[in-house]
C-alpha atoms as a PDB file:
ATOM      1  CA  MET A   1       0.012   0.002   0.008  1.00  0.00           C
ATOM      2  CA  ARG A   2       1.345   3.414  -0.968  1.00  0.00           C
ATOM      3  CA  VAL A   3       1.502   6.110   1.706  1.00  0.00           C
ATOM      4  CA  ASP A   4       1.266   9.786   0.787  1.00  0.00           C
ATOM      5  CA  LEU A   5       4.162  11.388   2.651  1.00  0.00           C
ATOM      6  CA  ARG A   6       2.824  14.923   1.991  1.00  0.00           C
ATOM      7  CA  VAL A   7       0.062  14.430   4.482  1.00  0.00           C
ATOM      8  CA  LYS A   8       1.436  14.458   7.992  1.00  0.00           C
ATOM      9  CA  HIS A   9      -1.740  13.628   9.904  1.00  0.00           C
ATOM     10  CA  ASP A  10      -4.058  10.842   8.946  1.00  0.00           C
ATOM     11  CA  ILE A  11      -7.783  11.166   8.210  1.00  0.00           C
ATOM     12  CA  GLU A  12      -8.742   9.791  11.598  1.00  0.00           C
ATOM     13  CA  ALA A  13      -7.074  12.769  13.342  1.00  0.00           C
ATOM     14  CA  ARG A  14      -8.966  15.166  11.116  1.00  0.00           C
ATOM     15  CA  ARG A  15     -12.222  13.298  11.692  1.00  0.00           C
ATOM     16  CA  ALA A  16     -11.645  13.557  15.538  1.00  0.00           C
ATOM     17  CA  ALA A  17     -10.965  17.250  15.120  1.00  0.00           C
ATOM     18  CA  ILE A  18     -14.220  17.755  13.298  1.00  0.00           C
ATOM     19  CA  GLY A  19     -16.002  16.019  16.152  1.00  0.00           C
ATOM     20  CA  LEU A  20     -14.375  18.393  18.614  1.00  0.00           C
ATOM     21  CA  PHE A  21     -15.203  21.477  16.505  1.00  0.00           C
ATOM     22  CA  GLU A  22     -18.863  20.411  16.302  1.00  0.00           C
ATOM     23  CA  ARG A  23     -18.970  20.146  20.099  1.00  0.00           C
ATOM     24  CA  GLY A  24     -17.710  23.749  20.389  1.00  0.00           C
ATOM     25  CA  HIS A  25     -14.010  23.204  21.072  1.00  0.00           C
ATOM     26  CA  GLY A  26     -11.531  25.736  19.785  1.00  0.00           C
ATOM     27  CA  PHE A  27      -8.249  24.958  18.108  1.00  0.00           C
ATOM     28  CA  LYS A  28      -6.195  25.127  21.339  1.00  0.00           C
ATOM     29  CA  SER A  29      -8.215  22.515  23.207  1.00  0.00           C
ATOM     30  CA  ALA A  30      -8.617  20.344  20.140  1.00  0.00           C
ATOM     31  CA  ALA A  31      -4.857  20.421  19.571  1.00  0.00           C
ATOM     32  CA  LYS A  32      -4.229  19.437  23.178  1.00  0.00           C
ATOM     33  CA  ALA A  33      -6.810  16.580  23.045  1.00  0.00           C
ATOM     34  CA  LEU A  34      -5.418  15.226  19.737  1.00  0.00           C
ATOM     35  CA  SER A  35      -1.674  15.846  20.469  1.00  0.00           C
ATOM     36  CA  VAL A  36      -1.369  17.724  17.148  1.00  0.00           C
ATOM     37  CA  PRO A  37       0.442  21.076  16.776  1.00  0.00           C
ATOM     38  CA  ARG A  38      -1.764  24.121  17.355  1.00  0.00           C
ATOM     39  CA  ASN A  39      -1.017  25.732  14.060  1.00  0.00           C
ATOM     40  CA  THR A  40      -2.114  22.580  12.206  1.00  0.00           C
ATOM     41  CA  VAL A  41      -5.395  22.448  14.109  1.00  0.00           C
ATOM     42  CA  ARG A  42      -5.897  26.169  13.566  1.00  0.00           C
ATOM     43  CA  GLN A  43      -5.568  25.625   9.823  1.00  0.00           C
ATOM     44  CA  TRP A  44      -8.045  22.711   9.978  1.00  0.00           C
ATOM     45  CA  LEU A  45     -10.483  25.009  11.825  1.00  0.00           C
ATOM     46  CA  TYR A  46     -10.225  27.631   9.106  1.00  0.00           C
ATOM     47  CA  VAL A  47     -10.834  25.031   6.411  1.00  0.00           C
ATOM     48  CA  TYR A  48     -13.688  23.525   8.380  1.00  0.00           C
ATOM     49  CA  ARG A  49     -15.413  26.874   8.974  1.00  0.00           C
ATOM     50  CA  SER A  50     -14.901  28.071   5.450  1.00  0.00           C
ATOM     51  CA  PHE A  51     -15.568  24.941   3.363  1.00  0.00           C
ATOM     52  CA  GLY A  52     -17.031  22.262   5.651  1.00  0.00           C
ATOM     53  CA  SER A  53     -16.009  18.863   6.882  1.00  0.00           C
ATOM     54  CA  GLU A  54     -15.999  17.208   3.425  1.00  0.00           C
ATOM     55  CA  VAL A  55     -13.163  19.462   2.180  1.00  0.00           C
ATOM     56  CA  LEU A  56     -11.201  18.977   5.470  1.00  0.00           C
ATOM     57  CA  LEU A  57     -11.459  15.212   5.109  1.00  0.00           C
ATOM     58  CA  SER A  58     -10.469  15.248   1.446  1.00  0.00           C
ATOM     59  CA  MET A  59      -7.343  17.360   1.853  1.00  0.00           C
ATOM     60  CA  ASP A  60      -4.535  15.408   0.200  1.00  0.00           C
ATOM     61  CA  GLY A  61      -1.467  17.546   0.586  1.00  0.00           C
ATOM     62  CA  LYS A  62      -1.597  19.033  -2.934  1.00  0.00           C
ATOM     63  CA  GLN A  63      -1.400  22.808  -3.277  1.00  0.00           C
ATOM     64  CA  THR A  64      -4.350  24.525  -4.880  1.00  0.00           C
ATOM     65  CA  ARG A  65      -3.660  26.723  -7.935  1.00  0.00           C
ATOM     66  CA  TYR A  66      -5.382  30.058  -8.101  1.00  0.00           C
ATOM     67  CA  THR A  67      -5.935  32.157 -11.244  1.00  0.00           C
ATOM     68  CA  PHE A  68      -4.649  35.695 -11.638  1.00  0.00           C
ATOM     69  CA  GLU A  69      -8.260  36.990 -11.434  1.00  0.00           C
ATOM     70  CA  GLN A  70      -8.872  35.172  -8.110  1.00  0.00           C
ATOM     71  CA  LYS A  71      -5.693  36.598  -6.619  1.00  0.00           C
ATOM     72  CA  VAL A  72      -6.428  40.172  -7.688  1.00  0.00           C
ATOM     73  CA  ALA A  73     -10.071  39.998  -6.542  1.00  0.00           C
ATOM     74  CA  ALA A  74      -9.137  38.586  -3.065  1.00  0.00           C
ATOM     75  CA  ALA A  75      -6.200  40.976  -2.517  1.00  0.00           C
ATOM     76  CA  SER A  76      -8.121  44.047  -3.636  1.00  0.00           C
ATOM     77  CA  ALA A  77     -11.113  43.127  -1.440  1.00  0.00           C
ATOM     78  CA  VAL A  78      -8.845  42.942   1.611  1.00  0.00           C
ATOM     79  CA  VAL A  79      -6.541  45.914   0.813  1.00  0.00           C
ATOM     80  CA  ASP A  80      -8.972  48.314  -0.915  1.00  0.00           C
ATOM     81  CA  GLY A  81     -12.323  47.064   0.271  1.00  0.00           C
ATOM     82  CA  GLY A  82     -11.455  46.545   3.964  1.00  0.00           C
ATOM     83  CA  MET A  83     -12.713  42.964   4.086  1.00  0.00           C
ATOM     84  CA  SER A  84     -11.199  40.768   6.763  1.00  0.00           C
ATOM     85  CA  LYS A  85      -8.772  38.130   5.589  1.00  0.00           C
ATOM     86  CA  ARG A  86     -10.867  35.363   7.086  1.00  0.00           C
ATOM     87  CA  ASP A  87     -13.988  36.565   5.251  1.00  0.00           C
ATOM     88  CA  ALA A  88     -11.919  36.838   2.001  1.00  0.00           C
ATOM     89  CA  THR A  89     -10.793  33.216   2.304  1.00  0.00           C
ATOM     90  CA  GLU A  90     -14.402  32.123   2.566  1.00  0.00           C
ATOM     91  CA  ALA A  91     -15.676  34.447  -0.197  1.00  0.00           C
ATOM     92  CA  PHE A  92     -12.964  33.653  -2.729  1.00  0.00           C
ATOM     93  CA  GLY A  93     -12.341  29.966  -1.925  1.00  0.00           C
ATOM     94  CA  VAL A  94      -8.746  30.343  -0.689  1.00  0.00           C
ATOM     95  CA  MET A  95      -7.721  27.307   1.380  1.00  0.00           C
ATOM     96  CA  SER A  96      -5.237  29.074   3.640  1.00  0.00           C
ATOM     97  CA  LEU A  97      -4.357  32.510   5.084  1.00  0.00           C
ATOM     98  CA  ALA A  98      -0.730  32.272   3.960  1.00  0.00           C
ATOM     99  CA  PRO A  99      -1.208  32.795   0.200  1.00  0.00           C
ATOM    100  CA  LEU A 100      -3.765  35.563   0.873  1.00  0.00           C
ATOM    101  CA  GLN A 101      -1.283  37.407   3.078  1.00  0.00           C
ATOM    102  CA  ARG A 102       1.412  37.132   0.466  1.00  0.00           C
ATOM    103  CA  TRP A 103      -0.981  38.361  -2.250  1.00  0.00           C
ATOM    104  CA  CYS A 104      -1.983  41.367  -0.138  1.00  0.00           C
ATOM    105  CA  ALA A 105       1.673  42.311   0.471  1.00  0.00           C
ATOM    106  CA  LEU A 106       2.456  42.046  -3.258  1.00  0.00           C
ATOM    107  CA  TYR A 107      -0.688  44.011  -4.107  1.00  0.00           C
ATOM    108  CA  ARG A 108       0.234  46.849  -1.742  1.00  0.00           C
ATOM    109  CA  GLU A 109       3.766  46.992  -3.281  1.00  0.00           C
ATOM    110  CA  GLY A 110       3.004  46.773  -6.961  1.00  0.00           C
ATOM    111  CA  GLY A 111      -0.702  46.653  -7.563  1.00  0.00           C
ATOM    112  CA  ALA A 112      -2.431  43.990  -9.612  1.00  0.00           C
ATOM    113  CA  GLU A 113       0.540  43.537 -11.980  1.00  0.00           C
ATOM    114  CA  ALA A 114       2.673  42.207  -9.065  1.00  0.00           C
ATOM    115  CA  LEU A 115       0.307  39.234  -8.882  1.00  0.00           C
ATOM    116  CA  ARG A 116       0.801  38.255 -12.516  1.00  0.00           C
ATOM    117  CA  PRO A 117       2.408  34.815 -12.986  1.00  0.00           C
ATOM    118  CA  LYS A 118       6.134  34.933 -13.637  1.00  0.00           C
ATOM    119  CA  PRO A 119       8.029  32.571 -15.959  1.00  0.00           C
ATOM    120  CA  ARG A 120       9.768  29.772 -14.047  1.00  0.00           C
ATOM    121  CA  GLY A 121      13.088  28.164 -14.700  1.00  0.00           C
ATOM    122  CA  ARG A 122      16.102  29.193 -16.667  1.00  0.00           C
ATOM    123  CA  PRO A 123      15.520  31.593 -19.573  1.00  0.00           C
ATOM    124  CA  ARG A 124      15.961  30.253 -23.124  1.00  0.00           C
ATOM    125  CA  GLY A 125      19.342  30.751 -24.558  1.00  0.00           C
ATOM    126  CA  SER A 126      21.020  31.324 -21.243  1.00  0.00           C
ATOM    127  CA  GLY A 127      23.076  28.115 -21.395  1.00  0.00           C
ATOM    128  CA  PRO A 128      26.747  27.974 -22.091  1.00  0.00           C
ATOM    129  CA  LYS A 129      27.857  29.359 -25.477  1.00  0.00           C
ATOM    130  CA  SER A 130      29.274  26.753 -27.850  1.00  0.00           C
ATOM    131  CA  ARG A 131      32.839  27.474 -28.821  1.00  0.00           C
ATOM    132  CA  GLY A 132      34.025  26.971 -32.373  1.00  0.00           C
ATOM    133  CA  ARG A 133      36.575  24.246 -32.967  1.00  0.00           C
ATOM    134  CA  THR A 134      40.134  25.387 -33.103  1.00  0.00           C
END
């Protein structure tokens, strides 16, 4: 059986956390009861409140890709519109606060163009120049 090493905590821990959240526990008491780091349980609570238990149980360690339009809309709602970051994660379907905070910082520095995707990797033609035979 293949084990996904990107997921640090199994589905049973997340299922137990959902049960604690439904009984009114916060992330601190849930983290203590489950012996899971607080920040992890805090992230689970954000996902649970924003998207529900199905999404929390189906999290598989893969990063979600967001379009340029989603990034600009979420960042401008927070920076220009005064929306809270938590409300923006729910409204725009952002799975975590970390990318939203990064987008807001970039948006403040360079506007919407700072959020445009940048080319990755080595530029074409930047390899070593071939020498002629001597």
